[in-house]
Amino acid sequence: MSGTAVNRGVCDLDLREKLRQCALGLYERVRDHFGDEEKTSLWFRTPNPHFGGMSPWTLAVIGNGAKLARIVEDLLEGEFP
């Protein structure tokens, strides 16, 4: 295996871990707001007009996790777009 492939694999793992930590942090913020795992899970799966009619989960999966995080923070702080 070339050095480049090995380095890219390590970078990919580091990036995945950072993304996982960000996603977990966002989930925990929403869960703290709702105070309930079931409500939090439902919220992440339900289409939402704040996300262009997509569910928060879909928004994250298609690569807009940063946008999702910004909107969630605004909503939790009472700033509705």
Protein backbone atom coordinates (compact mmCIF):
# COMPACT_ATOMS: atom_id res chain seq x y z
CA MET A 1 0.00 0.00 0.00
CA SER A 2 1.39 3.42 -0.88
CA GLY A 3 2.12 6.07 1.75
CA THR A 4 -0.54 8.31 0.20
CA ALA A 5 -3.25 5.70 0.61
CA VAL A 6 -2.26 5.12 4.22
CA ASN A 7 -2.23 8.86 5.00
CA ARG A 8 -5.56 9.39 3.27
CA GLY A 9 -7.04 6.56 5.33
CA VAL A 10 -5.85 8.17 8.56
CA CYS A 11 -7.24 11.53 7.46
CA ASP A 12 -10.53 9.91 6.59
CA LEU A 13 -10.69 8.35 10.05
CA ASP A 14 -9.86 11.67 11.71
CA LEU A 15 -12.50 13.46 9.64
CA ARG A 16 -15.10 10.79 10.33
CA GLU A 17 -14.41 11.01 14.05
CA LYS A 18 -14.75 14.81 14.01
CA LEU A 19 -17.99 14.57 12.05
CA ARG A 20 -19.29 11.92 14.45
CA GLN A 21 -18.49 14.15 17.42
CA CYS A 22 -20.21 17.13 15.79
CA ALA A 23 -23.30 15.07 14.99
CA LEU A 24 -23.42 13.67 18.52
CA GLY A 25 -23.07 17.16 19.99
CA LEU A 26 -25.91 18.44 17.81
CA TYR A 27 -28.10 15.48 18.75
CA GLU A 28 -27.41 16.08 22.45
CA ARG A 29 -28.32 19.79 22.15
CA VAL A 30 -31.66 18.92 20.56
CA ARG A 31 -32.27 16.10 23.08
CA ASP A 32 -31.54 18.50 25.94
CA HIS A 33 -34.09 20.89 24.47
CA PHE A 34 -36.81 18.24 24.15
CA GLY A 35 -35.76 16.29 27.25
CA ASP A 36 -36.73 13.01 25.58
CA GLU A 37 -35.00 10.55 23.24
CA GLU A 38 -38.19 9.61 21.38
CA LYS A 39 -39.16 13.25 20.66
CA THR A 40 -35.61 13.98 19.54
CA SER A 41 -35.56 11.02 17.18
CA LEU A 42 -38.95 12.01 15.76
CA TRP A 43 -37.78 15.60 15.26
CA PHE A 44 -34.71 14.44 13.30
CA ARG A 45 -36.89 12.26 11.02
CA THR A 46 -39.76 14.69 10.39
CA PRO A 47 -39.78 17.03 7.35
CA ASN A 48 -39.38 20.60 8.57
CA PRO A 49 -40.15 23.91 6.81
CA HIS A 50 -37.01 25.45 8.37
CA PHE A 51 -35.01 22.94 6.32
CA GLY A 52 -36.75 23.43 3.00
CA GLY A 53 -39.23 20.68 3.77
CA MET A 54 -36.50 18.10 4.42
CA SER A 55 -35.97 16.30 7.69
CA PRO A 56 -32.94 17.40 9.70
CA TRP A 57 -31.52 13.88 9.18
CA THR A 58 -31.83 14.21 5.38
CA LEU A 59 -30.20 17.62 5.46
CA ALA A 60 -27.22 16.16 7.32
CA VAL A 61 -26.96 13.10 5.07
CA ILE A 62 -26.83 15.15 1.87
CA GLY A 63 -23.90 17.10 3.24
CA ASN A 64 -25.46 20.17 4.80
CA GLY A 65 -24.55 19.35 8.38
CA ALA A 66 -23.00 22.77 9.00
CA LYS A 67 -26.19 24.48 7.79
CA LEU A 68 -28.24 22.17 10.00
CA ALA A 69 -26.08 23.02 13.01
CA ARG A 70 -26.44 26.79 12.40
CA ILE A 71 -30.22 26.59 12.04
CA VAL A 72 -30.59 24.36 15.11
CA GLU A 73 -28.50 26.75 17.20
CA ASP A 74 -30.62 29.70 15.99
CA LEU A 75 -33.85 27.83 16.73
CA LEU A 76 -32.68 26.79 20.19
CA GLU A 77 -31.74 30.40 20.93
CA GLY A 78 -35.19 31.57 19.81
CA GLU A 79 -34.03 33.14 16.53
CA PHE A 80 -36.45 31.89 13.92
CA PRO A 81 -35.52 32.51 10.28
